[in-house]
Amino acid sequence: MDGKGRFLDNIFIERLWRTLKYECVYLHAWETGSETKAAIRKWMTFYNHQRPHSALGGKPPALVYWQRNDINQPDQQAQRVA
């Protein structure tokens, strides 16, 4: 890490943790650590693949990421298959 923009990374991580706590953790009382881990994993999948994000035009992050990858590197898929 070169330190450029590192403070911005911290802001995004803090927002993610706050959202996780308020939308998932504080709403449930799990009995075991494995239940907690499974529920958080399920929420993270929802957050990345289904939950709309206003900063991304109402799209989930995974969709934006894969669309951006397809546009920037259209021939990479063909190279993997060939």
Protein backbone atom coordinates (compact mmCIF):
# COMPACT_ATOMS: atom_id res chain seq x y z
CA MET A 1 0.00 0.00 0.00
CA ASP A 2 1.35 3.36 -0.99
CA GLY A 3 -0.94 5.41 1.23
CA LYS A 4 -2.72 7.17 -1.63
CA GLY A 5 -6.42 7.34 -0.90
CA ARG A 6 -6.11 5.12 2.14
CA PHE A 7 -8.33 7.38 4.25
CA LEU A 8 -11.10 6.99 1.65
CA ASP A 9 -10.82 3.20 1.86
CA ASN A 10 -11.39 3.44 5.61
CA ILE A 11 -14.58 5.46 5.09
CA PHE A 12 -16.02 2.80 2.79
CA ILE A 13 -15.13 -0.03 5.16
CA GLU A 14 -16.66 1.81 8.12
CA ARG A 15 -19.87 2.31 6.15
CA LEU A 16 -19.96 -1.38 5.25
CA TRP A 17 -19.53 -2.42 8.90
CA ARG A 18 -22.20 0.03 10.05
CA THR A 19 -24.66 -1.28 7.45
CA LEU A 20 -23.87 -4.88 8.39
CA LYS A 21 -24.48 -4.17 12.06
CA TYR A 22 -27.77 -2.32 11.59
CA GLU A 23 -29.24 -4.54 8.85
CA CYS A 24 -28.10 -7.93 10.13
CA VAL A 25 -26.26 -8.25 13.43
CA TYR A 26 -28.45 -6.08 15.69
CA LEU A 27 -31.65 -7.72 14.39
CA HIS A 28 -30.76 -11.29 15.39
CA ALA A 29 -29.68 -13.21 18.47
CA TRP A 30 -27.78 -16.22 17.20
CA GLU A 31 -26.98 -19.10 19.52
CA THR A 32 -23.69 -20.27 18.03
CA GLY A 33 -20.76 -18.88 16.11
CA SER A 34 -21.56 -21.07 13.11
CA GLU A 35 -25.08 -19.61 12.92
CA THR A 36 -23.59 -16.12 13.05
CA LYS A 37 -21.05 -16.92 10.35
CA ALA A 38 -23.71 -18.40 8.04
CA ALA A 39 -26.06 -15.45 8.53
CA ILE A 40 -23.33 -12.87 7.86
CA ARG A 41 -22.22 -14.81 4.79
CA LYS A 42 -25.82 -14.83 3.54
CA TRP A 43 -26.15 -11.09 4.18
CA MET A 44 -22.85 -10.32 2.40
CA THR A 45 -24.05 -12.28 -0.64
CA PHE A 46 -27.31 -10.33 -0.58
CA TYR A 47 -25.42 -7.04 -0.16
CA ASN A 48 -23.14 -7.69 -3.13
CA HIS A 49 -25.55 -9.41 -5.54
CA GLN A 50 -29.09 -8.18 -4.83
CA ARG A 51 -29.21 -5.05 -2.66
CA PRO A 52 -29.53 -1.90 -4.79
CA HIS A 53 -26.94 0.82 -4.13
CA SER A 54 -27.87 4.43 -4.81
CA ALA A 55 -24.28 5.38 -5.67
CA LEU A 56 -24.32 2.74 -8.43
CA GLY A 57 -27.60 3.83 -9.99
CA GLY A 58 -29.70 1.29 -8.12
CA LYS A 59 -27.56 -1.66 -9.24
CA PRO A 60 -25.84 -4.16 -6.95
CA PRO A 61 -22.01 -3.96 -6.76
CA ALA A 62 -21.41 -7.39 -8.34
CA LEU A 63 -23.38 -6.44 -11.46
CA VAL A 64 -21.48 -3.17 -11.86
CA TYR A 65 -18.15 -4.94 -11.31
CA TRP A 66 -18.78 -7.62 -13.91
CA GLN A 67 -20.18 -5.17 -16.46
CA ARG A 68 -17.11 -2.98 -16.00
CA ASN A 69 -14.81 -6.00 -16.42
CA ASP A 70 -16.57 -7.10 -19.60
CA ILE A 71 -16.24 -3.63 -21.13
CA ASN A 72 -12.57 -3.16 -20.18
CA GLN A 73 -11.37 -6.65 -21.15
CA PRO A 74 -13.70 -8.10 -23.80
CA ASP A 75 -11.17 -10.54 -25.30
CA GLN A 76 -9.96 -12.02 -22.01
CA GLN A 77 -12.87 -14.49 -21.90
CA ALA A 78 -11.98 -15.76 -25.38
CA GLN A 79 -8.37 -16.28 -24.34
CA ARG A 80 -9.39 -18.41 -21.36
CA VAL A 81 -11.65 -20.63 -23.46
CA ALA A 82 -9.22 -21.09 -26.36
